[in-house]
Amino acid sequence: MADDAPARGEAQAQARARQPALAAAIRLLSGRRLTKAQLAQKLRDRGYEPASLEEALATCEERRYLDDRTFAQLHVKSVLDRKPVGRMRLLHDLLGKGIDGDLAREVLDEFTGDEEERIDRALAKLEAMRPYDGYEQLGRRLERQGFTAPEIAKALRKRAKTRGAIPQFESLE
């Protein structure tokens, strides 16, 4: 029995050392939703040791406090509710927040069904805000919003039917 006391004491000390990382993780997650990468970086910045940090992350995932898929889905929905942006911009945002590339593409595939409607909304908004912009300027603005070149060309061709011909646009085909 005397031999078990040091081992038990050591185990309790390790448990206490891990507890602050978990407590800090829960505190951070209670403030706002974070990705696993963001939470790990915040804990690293606070000086938690890697073993404690990994255990805290695992515990948070196990308890479903931390879920990158849900974060990505909510982020994409939130962005799309506010403004029409393209797939490339959304992918860039998710990767920047530490979401795995495959997971980000998977989540974006769930939302890509309305890509044509989004670019049409974006184009209508741009035309309302900048009625004198030509097709070239509109195309560049749509590109900065994350839409791909084929999507932009298709939307501008469609818009040309109501707005007028696109000069030298046939050479792009």
N, C-alpha and C. Protein backbone atom coordinates (compact mmCIF):
# COMPACT_ATOMS: atom_id res chain seq x y z
N MET A 1 0.81 -1.19 0.00
CA MET A 1 0.00 0.00 0.00
C MET A 1 0.85 1.25 0.00
N ALA A 2 1.94 1.22 0.71
CA ALA A 2 2.81 2.38 0.77
C ALA A 2 3.40 2.68 -0.60
N ASP A 3 3.58 1.64 -1.44
CA ASP A 3 4.15 1.84 -2.77
C ASP A 3 3.18 2.54 -3.71
N ASP A 4 1.88 2.39 -3.46
CA ASP A 4 0.86 3.00 -4.33
C ASP A 4 0.70 4.49 -4.07
N ALA A 5 1.04 4.94 -2.88
CA ALA A 5 0.83 6.34 -2.51
C ALA A 5 1.58 7.30 -3.44
N PRO A 6 2.88 7.09 -3.73
CA PRO A 6 3.57 8.02 -4.64
C PRO A 6 2.95 8.01 -6.04
N ALA A 7 2.56 6.84 -6.52
CA ALA A 7 1.97 6.75 -7.86
C ALA A 7 0.64 7.49 -7.91
N ARG A 8 -0.17 7.31 -6.84
CA ARG A 8 -1.44 8.00 -6.77
C ARG A 8 -1.25 9.51 -6.69
N GLY A 9 -0.30 9.94 -5.91
CA GLY A 9 0.00 11.36 -5.77
C GLY A 9 0.46 11.96 -7.09
N GLU A 10 1.28 11.19 -7.81
CA GLU A 10 1.77 11.66 -9.11
C GLU A 10 0.61 11.75 -10.11
N ALA A 11 -0.28 10.77 -10.10
CA ALA A 11 -1.44 10.78 -10.99
C ALA A 11 -2.35 11.97 -10.69
N GLN A 12 -2.53 12.25 -9.39
CA GLN A 12 -3.36 13.39 -9.01
C GLN A 12 -2.70 14.71 -9.44
N ALA A 13 -1.39 14.79 -9.33
CA ALA A 13 -0.67 16.00 -9.74
C ALA A 13 -0.81 16.20 -11.25
N GLN A 14 -0.72 15.11 -12.01
CA GLN A 14 -0.88 15.21 -13.46
C GLN A 14 -2.30 15.64 -13.81
N ALA A 15 -3.27 15.12 -13.10
CA ALA A 15 -4.67 15.49 -13.34
C ALA A 15 -4.88 16.97 -13.07
N ARG A 16 -4.27 17.48 -12.00
CA ARG A 16 -4.38 18.90 -11.68
C ARG A 16 -3.68 19.75 -12.74
N ALA A 17 -2.56 19.28 -13.27
CA ALA A 17 -1.83 20.03 -14.30
C ALA A 17 -2.64 20.09 -15.60
N ARG A 18 -3.40 19.02 -15.89
CA ARG A 18 -4.22 18.99 -17.10
C ARG A 18 -5.48 19.83 -16.94
N GLN A 19 -5.98 19.91 -15.75
CA GLN A 19 -7.25 20.60 -15.49
C GLN A 19 -7.24 22.05 -15.96
N PRO A 20 -6.20 22.82 -15.70
CA PRO A 20 -6.25 24.21 -16.15
C PRO A 20 -6.39 24.34 -17.67
N ALA A 21 -5.75 23.48 -18.44
CA ALA A 21 -5.87 23.56 -19.90
C ALA A 21 -7.31 23.29 -20.31
N LEU A 22 -7.93 22.30 -19.71
CA LEU A 22 -9.32 21.99 -20.01
C LEU A 22 -10.23 23.14 -19.57
N ALA A 23 -9.97 23.65 -18.38
CA ALA A 23 -10.79 24.77 -17.88
C ALA A 23 -10.64 25.99 -18.79
N ALA A 24 -9.42 26.26 -19.22
CA ALA A 24 -9.18 27.39 -20.12
C ALA A 24 -9.87 27.16 -21.46
N ALA A 25 -9.83 25.93 -21.96
CA ALA A 25 -10.47 25.60 -23.23
C ALA A 25 -11.98 25.82 -23.13
N ILE A 26 -12.57 25.36 -22.05
CA ILE A 26 -14.01 25.51 -21.87
C ILE A 26 -14.38 26.99 -21.73
N ARG A 27 -13.55 27.74 -21.02
CA ARG A 27 -13.78 29.17 -20.88
C ARG A 27 -13.74 29.86 -22.25
N LEU A 28 -12.74 29.50 -23.06
CA LEU A 28 -12.62 30.10 -24.39
C LEU A 28 -13.81 29.74 -25.28
N LEU A 29 -14.23 28.49 -25.20
CA LEU A 29 -15.35 28.03 -26.03
C LEU A 29 -16.69 28.60 -25.56
N SER A 30 -16.76 28.98 -24.30
CA SER A 30 -18.02 29.56 -23.82
C SER A 30 -18.21 30.97 -24.37
N GLY A 31 -17.11 31.61 -24.75
CA GLY A 31 -17.19 32.96 -25.30
C GLY A 31 -17.65 32.98 -26.74
N ARG A 32 -17.12 32.06 -27.54
CA ARG A 32 -17.52 31.96 -28.94
C ARG A 32 -17.07 30.63 -29.51
N ARG A 33 -17.65 30.27 -30.63
CA ARG A 33 -17.32 29.00 -31.28
C ARG A 33 -15.94 29.14 -31.93
N LEU A 34 -15.11 28.12 -31.74
CA LEU A 34 -13.75 28.10 -32.31
C LEU A 34 -13.51 26.79 -33.02
N THR A 35 -12.56 26.80 -33.96
CA THR A 35 -12.13 25.56 -34.58
C THR A 35 -11.10 24.91 -33.67
N LYS A 36 -10.79 23.67 -33.94
CA LYS A 36 -9.78 22.97 -33.15
C LYS A 36 -8.44 23.68 -33.27
N ALA A 37 -8.09 24.12 -34.47
CA ALA A 37 -6.81 24.82 -34.68
C ALA A 37 -6.77 26.15 -33.93
N GLN A 38 -7.88 26.89 -33.95
CA GLN A 38 -7.92 28.17 -33.23
C GLN A 38 -7.78 27.97 -31.73
N LEU A 39 -8.49 26.97 -31.21
CA LEU A 39 -8.43 26.71 -29.77
C LEU A 39 -7.02 26.25 -29.37
N ALA A 40 -6.43 25.38 -30.16
CA ALA A 40 -5.07 24.91 -29.87
C ALA A 40 -4.10 26.09 -29.85
N GLN A 41 -4.23 26.99 -30.81
CA GLN A 41 -3.33 28.15 -30.87
C GLN A 41 -3.52 29.05 -29.65
N LYS A 42 -4.75 29.26 -29.26
CA LYS A 42 -5.01 30.10 -28.08
C LYS A 42 -4.42 29.48 -26.81
N LEU A 43 -4.57 28.17 -26.69
CA LEU A 43 -4.01 27.50 -25.51
C LEU A 43 -2.48 27.51 -25.55
N ARG A 44 -1.92 27.32 -26.74
CA ARG A 44 -0.46 27.38 -26.90
C ARG A 44 0.05 28.76 -26.52
N ASP A 45 -0.66 29.79 -26.97
CA ASP A 45 -0.27 31.17 -26.66
C ASP A 45 -0.31 31.45 -25.15
N ARG A 46 -1.15 30.72 -24.45
CA ARG A 46 -1.26 30.90 -23.00
C ARG A 46 -0.24 30.05 -22.24
N GLY A 47 0.57 29.29 -22.97
CA GLY A 47 1.68 28.58 -22.36
C GLY A 47 1.38 27.18 -21.84
N TYR A 48 0.30 26.58 -22.26
CA TYR A 48 0.01 25.22 -21.83
C TYR A 48 0.92 24.24 -22.55
N GLU A 49 1.34 23.23 -21.82
CA GLU A 49 2.23 22.23 -22.41
C GLU A 49 1.47 21.38 -23.43
N PRO A 50 2.17 20.89 -24.46
CA PRO A 50 1.51 20.16 -25.55
C PRO A 50 0.67 18.96 -25.11
N ALA A 51 1.14 18.19 -24.15
CA ALA A 51 0.39 17.01 -23.71
C ALA A 51 -0.94 17.44 -23.07
N SER A 52 -0.89 18.46 -22.23
CA SER A 52 -2.09 18.97 -21.58
C SER A 52 -3.05 19.56 -22.60
N LEU A 53 -2.49 20.27 -23.54
CA LEU A 53 -3.26 20.90 -24.59
C LEU A 53 -4.00 19.85 -25.43
N GLU A 54 -3.28 18.81 -25.84
CA GLU A 54 -3.89 17.75 -26.67
C GLU A 54 -5.00 17.02 -25.91
N GLU A 55 -4.76 16.80 -24.65
CA GLU A 55 -5.78 16.12 -23.84
C GLU A 55 -7.02 17.00 -23.69
N ALA A 56 -6.82 18.29 -23.51
CA ALA A 56 -7.95 19.21 -23.39
C ALA A 56 -8.74 19.24 -24.70
N LEU A 57 -8.04 19.27 -25.83
CA LEU A 57 -8.71 19.27 -27.13
C LEU A 57 -9.51 17.98 -27.32
N ALA A 58 -8.90 16.86 -26.96
CA ALA A 58 -9.58 15.56 -27.10
C ALA A 58 -10.83 15.51 -26.23
N THR A 59 -10.72 16.01 -25.01
CA THR A 59 -11.87 16.02 -24.10
C THR A 59 -12.98 16.92 -24.64
N CYS A 60 -12.60 18.07 -25.16
CA CYS A 60 -13.61 18.98 -25.73
C CYS A 60 -14.29 18.36 -26.94
N GLU A 61 -13.54 17.66 -27.76
CA GLU A 61 -14.14 16.98 -28.92
C GLU A 61 -15.05 15.84 -28.47
N GLU A 62 -14.59 15.10 -27.47
CA GLU A 62 -15.38 13.98 -26.96
C GLU A 62 -16.71 14.47 -26.38
N ARG A 63 -16.69 15.59 -25.71
CA ARG A 63 -17.90 16.16 -25.12
C ARG A 63 -18.70 16.98 -26.13
N ARG A 64 -18.20 17.07 -27.35
CA ARG A 64 -18.83 17.79 -28.46
C ARG A 64 -18.90 19.30 -28.21
N TYR A 65 -17.94 19.82 -27.45
CA TYR A 65 -17.82 21.26 -27.30
C TYR A 65 -17.12 21.83 -28.51
N LEU A 66 -16.39 20.99 -29.20
CA LEU A 66 -15.52 21.39 -30.30
C LEU A 66 -15.84 20.49 -31.48
N ASP A 67 -16.28 21.09 -32.59
CA ASP A 67 -16.64 20.31 -33.77
C ASP A 67 -16.38 21.16 -35.01
N ASP A 68 -15.33 20.84 -35.74
CA ASP A 68 -14.95 21.63 -36.91
C ASP A 68 -16.01 21.59 -38.01
N ARG A 69 -16.68 20.47 -38.18
CA ARG A 69 -17.72 20.38 -39.21
C ARG A 69 -18.86 21.35 -38.91
N THR A 70 -19.32 21.35 -37.67
CA THR A 70 -20.41 22.25 -37.29
C THR A 70 -19.96 23.70 -37.42
N PHE A 71 -18.73 23.98 -37.00
CA PHE A 71 -18.19 25.34 -37.13
C PHE A 71 -18.23 25.77 -38.59
N ALA A 72 -17.73 24.91 -39.48
CA ALA A 72 -17.67 25.24 -40.90
C ALA A 72 -19.08 25.47 -41.47
N GLN A 73 -20.01 24.60 -41.13
CA GLN A 73 -21.37 24.74 -41.63
C GLN A 73 -22.00 26.05 -41.16
N LEU A 74 -21.84 26.36 -39.88
CA LEU A 74 -22.40 27.60 -39.34
C LEU A 74 -21.74 28.83 -39.94
N HIS A 75 -20.43 28.75 -40.13
CA HIS A 75 -19.70 29.89 -40.70
C HIS A 75 -20.18 30.16 -42.13
N VAL A 76 -20.25 29.11 -42.94
CA VAL A 76 -20.68 29.28 -44.33
C VAL A 76 -22.11 29.83 -44.38
N LYS A 77 -22.99 29.28 -43.58
CA LYS A 77 -24.38 29.75 -43.55
C LYS A 77 -24.45 31.21 -43.13
N SER A 78 -23.68 31.56 -42.12
CA SER A 78 -23.67 32.94 -41.63
C SER A 78 -23.18 33.91 -42.70
N VAL A 79 -22.10 33.56 -43.37
CA VAL A 79 -21.56 34.44 -44.41
C VAL A 79 -22.56 34.58 -45.56
N LEU A 80 -23.12 33.47 -45.98
CA LEU A 80 -24.05 33.50 -47.11
C LEU A 80 -25.36 34.22 -46.78
N ASP A 81 -25.75 34.22 -45.52
CA ASP A 81 -26.94 34.97 -45.11
C ASP A 81 -26.70 36.47 -45.19
N ARG A 82 -25.46 36.88 -44.99
CA ARG A 82 -25.13 38.31 -44.99
C ARG A 82 -24.85 38.85 -46.39
N LYS A 83 -24.14 38.07 -47.21
CA LYS A 83 -23.76 38.58 -48.53
C LYS A 83 -23.47 37.43 -49.48
N PRO A 84 -23.68 37.67 -50.75
CA PRO A 84 -23.39 36.62 -51.73
C PRO A 84 -21.90 36.59 -52.05
N VAL A 85 -21.25 35.50 -51.71
CA VAL A 85 -19.83 35.32 -52.03
C VAL A 85 -19.65 33.97 -52.69
N GLY A 86 -18.55 33.82 -53.38
CA GLY A 86 -18.29 32.60 -54.12
C GLY A 86 -17.61 31.52 -53.30
N ARG A 87 -17.55 30.37 -53.89
CA ARG A 87 -16.97 29.19 -53.26
C ARG A 87 -15.50 29.38 -52.90
N MET A 88 -14.74 30.02 -53.77
CA MET A 88 -13.31 30.20 -53.51
C MET A 88 -13.08 31.08 -52.28
N ARG A 89 -13.88 32.11 -52.13
CA ARG A 89 -13.75 32.99 -50.96
C ARG A 89 -14.10 32.24 -49.69
N LEU A 90 -15.17 31.45 -49.74
CA LEU A 90 -15.57 30.66 -48.57
C LEU A 90 -14.50 29.65 -48.21
N LEU A 91 -13.94 29.00 -49.22
CA LEU A 91 -12.88 28.01 -48.97
C LEU A 91 -11.67 28.69 -48.32
N HIS A 92 -11.30 29.83 -48.84
CA HIS A 92 -10.17 30.59 -48.28
C HIS A 92 -10.43 30.95 -46.82
N ASP A 93 -11.64 31.39 -46.53
CA ASP A 93 -12.02 31.75 -45.14
C ASP A 93 -11.90 30.54 -44.21
N LEU A 94 -12.45 29.40 -44.65
CA LEU A 94 -12.42 28.20 -43.81
C LEU A 94 -11.00 27.71 -43.58
N LEU A 95 -10.20 27.70 -44.62
CA LEU A 95 -8.80 27.27 -44.46
C LEU A 95 -8.05 28.21 -43.52
N GLY A 96 -8.36 29.49 -43.62
CA GLY A 96 -7.73 30.48 -42.75
C GLY A 96 -8.10 30.30 -41.28
N LYS A 97 -9.24 29.71 -41.04
CA LYS A 97 -9.68 29.47 -39.66
C LYS A 97 -9.22 28.12 -39.14
N GLY A 98 -8.45 27.40 -39.95
CA GLY A 98 -7.87 26.13 -39.49
C GLY A 98 -8.69 24.90 -39.80
N ILE A 99 -9.68 25.02 -40.66
CA ILE A 99 -10.48 23.85 -41.05
C ILE A 99 -9.67 23.05 -42.07
N ASP A 100 -9.67 21.74 -41.93
CA ASP A 100 -8.99 20.85 -42.86
C ASP A 100 -9.56 21.05 -44.27
N GLY A 101 -8.70 21.01 -45.28
CA GLY A 101 -9.11 21.26 -46.66
C GLY A 101 -10.20 20.33 -47.15
N ASP A 102 -10.07 19.04 -46.88
CA ASP A 102 -11.08 18.08 -47.32
C ASP A 102 -12.42 18.34 -46.66
N LEU A 103 -12.40 18.63 -45.37
CA LEU A 103 -13.63 18.93 -44.64
C LEU A 103 -14.26 20.21 -45.17
N ALA A 104 -13.44 21.22 -45.45
CA ALA A 104 -13.95 22.48 -45.97
C ALA A 104 -14.65 22.27 -47.32
N ARG A 105 -14.03 21.50 -48.19
CA ARG A 105 -14.63 21.23 -49.51
C ARG A 105 -15.94 20.44 -49.36
N GLU A 106 -15.92 19.51 -48.44
CA GLU A 106 -17.11 18.69 -48.18
C GLU A 106 -18.28 19.57 -47.72
N VAL A 107 -18.00 20.47 -46.79
CA VAL A 107 -19.04 21.36 -46.28
C VAL A 107 -19.52 22.30 -47.39
N LEU A 108 -18.59 22.80 -48.19
CA LEU A 108 -18.98 23.70 -49.27
C LEU A 108 -19.83 22.99 -50.31
N ASP A 109 -19.58 21.71 -50.51
CA ASP A 109 -20.40 20.93 -51.45
C ASP A 109 -21.86 20.89 -51.01
N GLU A 110 -22.09 20.97 -49.71
CA GLU A 110 -23.46 20.99 -49.20
C GLU A 110 -24.18 22.29 -49.56
N PHE A 111 -23.42 23.36 -49.81
CA PHE A 111 -24.00 24.69 -50.04
C PHE A 111 -23.88 25.15 -51.49
N THR A 112 -23.34 24.34 -52.39
CA THR A 112 -23.05 24.84 -53.74
C THR A 112 -24.25 24.80 -54.67
N GLY A 113 -25.34 24.24 -54.28
CA GLY A 113 -26.49 24.13 -55.15
C GLY A 113 -27.02 25.47 -55.63
N ASP A 114 -26.82 26.53 -54.88
CA ASP A 114 -27.38 27.83 -55.24
C ASP A 114 -26.30 28.81 -55.69
N GLU A 115 -25.22 28.31 -56.26
CA GLU A 115 -24.11 29.17 -56.71
C GLU A 115 -24.56 30.16 -57.78
N GLU A 116 -25.38 29.72 -58.72
CA GLU A 116 -25.85 30.60 -59.78
C GLU A 116 -26.72 31.72 -59.21
N GLU A 117 -27.56 31.38 -58.26
CA GLU A 117 -28.42 32.38 -57.64
C GLU A 117 -27.58 33.39 -56.85
N ARG A 118 -26.52 32.92 -56.19
CA ARG A 118 -25.64 33.81 -55.41
C ARG A 118 -24.91 34.80 -56.32
N ILE A 119 -24.39 34.31 -57.44
CA ILE A 119 -23.66 35.23 -58.33
C ILE A 119 -24.63 36.22 -58.97
N ASP A 120 -25.84 35.80 -59.25
CA ASP A 120 -26.83 36.73 -59.79
C ASP A 120 -27.16 37.82 -58.77
N ARG A 121 -27.30 37.44 -57.50
CA ARG A 121 -27.56 38.44 -56.44
C ARG A 121 -26.38 39.39 -56.30
N ALA A 122 -25.17 38.83 -56.33
CA ALA A 122 -23.97 39.66 -56.21
C ALA A 122 -23.87 40.65 -57.37
N LEU A 123 -24.14 40.17 -58.57
CA LEU A 123 -24.08 41.03 -59.75
C LEU A 123 -25.14 42.12 -59.69
N ALA A 124 -26.35 41.76 -59.28
CA ALA A 124 -27.42 42.76 -59.17
C ALA A 124 -27.06 43.82 -58.14
N LYS A 125 -26.48 43.40 -57.04
CA LYS A 125 -26.08 44.36 -56.00
C LYS A 125 -24.97 45.28 -56.51
N LEU A 126 -24.01 44.71 -57.22
CA LEU A 126 -22.92 45.53 -57.77
C LEU A 126 -23.46 46.53 -58.79
N GLU A 127 -24.36 46.09 -59.63
CA GLU A 127 -24.93 46.99 -60.65
C GLU A 127 -25.74 48.10 -60.00
N ALA A 128 -26.42 47.80 -58.92
CA ALA A 128 -27.21 48.83 -58.22
C ALA A 128 -26.28 49.85 -57.56
N MET A 129 -25.19 49.38 -57.01
CA MET A 129 -24.26 50.27 -56.31
C MET A 129 -23.38 51.05 -57.29
N ARG A 130 -23.06 50.43 -58.43
CA ARG A 130 -22.15 51.03 -59.40
C ARG A 130 -22.73 50.88 -60.81
N PRO A 131 -23.77 51.65 -61.12
CA PRO A 131 -24.47 51.45 -62.40
C PRO A 131 -23.63 51.74 -63.64
N TYR A 132 -22.54 52.49 -63.50
CA TYR A 132 -21.74 52.86 -64.67
C TYR A 132 -20.53 51.95 -64.87
N ASP A 133 -20.35 50.97 -64.01
CA ASP A 133 -19.24 50.03 -64.18
C ASP A 133 -19.48 49.18 -65.42
N GLY A 134 -18.41 48.94 -66.15
CA GLY A 134 -18.49 48.08 -67.31
C GLY A 134 -18.38 46.62 -66.90
N TYR A 135 -18.46 45.76 -67.88
CA TYR A 135 -18.39 44.33 -67.59
C TYR A 135 -17.04 43.93 -67.00
N GLU A 136 -16.00 44.58 -67.46
CA GLU A 136 -14.66 44.26 -66.95
C GLU A 136 -14.56 44.54 -65.46
N GLN A 137 -15.03 45.70 -65.04
CA GLN A 137 -15.00 46.05 -63.61
C GLN A 137 -15.89 45.13 -62.80
N LEU A 138 -17.07 44.84 -63.33
CA LEU A 138 -17.98 43.94 -62.63
C LEU A 138 -17.35 42.55 -62.47
N GLY A 139 -16.72 42.08 -63.52
CA GLY A 139 -16.05 40.78 -63.47
C GLY A 139 -14.95 40.73 -62.42
N ARG A 140 -14.16 41.79 -62.35
CA ARG A 140 -13.09 41.84 -61.34
C ARG A 140 -13.66 41.86 -59.93
N ARG A 141 -14.73 42.61 -59.74
CA ARG A 141 -15.36 42.67 -58.41
C ARG A 141 -15.93 41.30 -58.02
N LEU A 142 -16.55 40.63 -58.96
CA LEU A 142 -17.08 39.29 -58.68
C LEU A 142 -15.94 38.31 -58.37
N GLU A 143 -14.84 38.47 -59.05
CA GLU A 143 -13.68 37.60 -58.79
C GLU A 143 -13.16 37.81 -57.37
N ARG A 144 -13.12 39.06 -56.94
CA ARG A 144 -12.67 39.35 -55.57
C ARG A 144 -13.63 38.80 -54.52
N GLN A 145 -14.88 38.61 -54.92
CA GLN A 145 -15.87 38.04 -54.00
C GLN A 145 -15.80 36.51 -53.97
N GLY A 146 -14.89 35.94 -54.77
CA GLY A 146 -14.67 34.50 -54.69
C GLY A 146 -15.37 33.66 -55.73
N PHE A 147 -15.92 34.30 -56.75
CA PHE A 147 -16.55 33.52 -57.81
C PHE A 147 -15.50 33.14 -58.85
N THR A 148 -15.68 32.00 -59.49
CA THR A 148 -14.70 31.52 -60.47
C THR A 148 -14.96 32.16 -61.83
N ALA A 149 -13.94 32.14 -62.69
CA ALA A 149 -14.03 32.76 -64.01
C ALA A 149 -15.18 32.18 -64.84
N PRO A 150 -15.36 30.85 -64.91
CA PRO A 150 -16.49 30.34 -65.69
C PRO A 150 -17.85 30.81 -65.16
N GLU A 151 -18.00 30.89 -63.86
CA GLU A 151 -19.26 31.37 -63.27
C GLU A 151 -19.49 32.83 -63.64
N ILE A 152 -18.43 33.62 -63.57
CA ILE A 152 -18.53 35.05 -63.88
C ILE A 152 -18.90 35.24 -65.35
N ALA A 153 -18.23 34.51 -66.22
CA ALA A 153 -18.52 34.64 -67.65
C ALA A 153 -19.97 34.27 -67.95
N LYS A 154 -20.44 33.22 -67.34
CA LYS A 154 -21.82 32.78 -67.56
C LYS A 154 -22.81 33.85 -67.06
N ALA A 155 -22.56 34.41 -65.89
CA ALA A 155 -23.45 35.43 -65.33
C ALA A 155 -23.43 36.70 -66.17
N LEU A 156 -22.25 37.09 -66.65
CA LEU A 156 -22.16 38.29 -67.46
C LEU A 156 -22.82 38.09 -68.83
N ARG A 157 -22.70 36.90 -69.39
CA ARG A 157 -23.39 36.61 -70.66
C ARG A 157 -24.91 36.71 -70.47
N LYS A 158 -25.38 36.15 -69.37
CA LYS A 158 -26.81 36.18 -69.07
C LYS A 158 -27.27 37.63 -68.88
N ARG A 159 -26.47 38.42 -68.19
CA ARG A 159 -26.80 39.82 -67.93
C ARG A 159 -26.75 40.64 -69.22
N ALA A 160 -25.89 40.26 -70.15
CA ALA A 160 -25.75 41.00 -71.41
C ALA A 160 -27.03 40.97 -72.23
N LYS A 161 -27.84 39.96 -72.03
CA LYS A 161 -29.10 39.86 -72.76
C LYS A 161 -30.04 41.01 -72.39
N THR A 162 -29.97 41.48 -71.15
CA THR A 162 -30.83 42.57 -70.71
C THR A 162 -30.12 43.92 -70.70
N ARG A 163 -28.82 43.91 -70.52
CA ARG A 163 -28.06 45.16 -70.38
C ARG A 163 -27.44 45.63 -71.68
N GLY A 164 -27.16 44.74 -72.56
CA GLY A 164 -26.53 45.12 -73.82
C GLY A 164 -25.33 44.24 -74.10
N ALA A 165 -24.82 44.36 -75.29
CA ALA A 165 -23.71 43.51 -75.74
C ALA A 165 -22.44 43.75 -74.92
N ILE A 166 -21.67 42.71 -74.85
CA ILE A 166 -20.38 42.80 -74.16
C ILE A 166 -19.31 42.93 -75.24
N PRO A 167 -18.61 44.05 -75.29
CA PRO A 167 -17.61 44.23 -76.34
C PRO A 167 -16.48 43.20 -76.23
N GLN A 168 -16.13 42.60 -77.33
CA GLN A 168 -15.04 41.62 -77.45
C GLN A 168 -15.18 40.46 -76.47
N PHE A 169 -16.39 40.15 -76.06
CA PHE A 169 -16.60 39.07 -75.10
C PHE A 169 -16.54 37.70 -75.79
N GLU A 170 -16.84 37.69 -77.08
CA GLU A 170 -16.84 36.43 -77.81
C GLU A 170 -15.44 35.81 -77.84
N SER A 171 -14.41 36.62 -77.74
CA SER A 171 -13.04 36.10 -77.77
C SER A 171 -12.70 35.30 -76.51
N LEU A 172 -13.51 35.44 -75.47
CA LEU A 172 -13.25 34.71 -74.23
C LEU A 172 -13.77 33.30 -74.28
N GLU A 173 -14.57 32.97 -75.24
CA GLU A 173 -15.18 31.64 -75.29
C GLU A 173 -14.20 30.60 -75.79
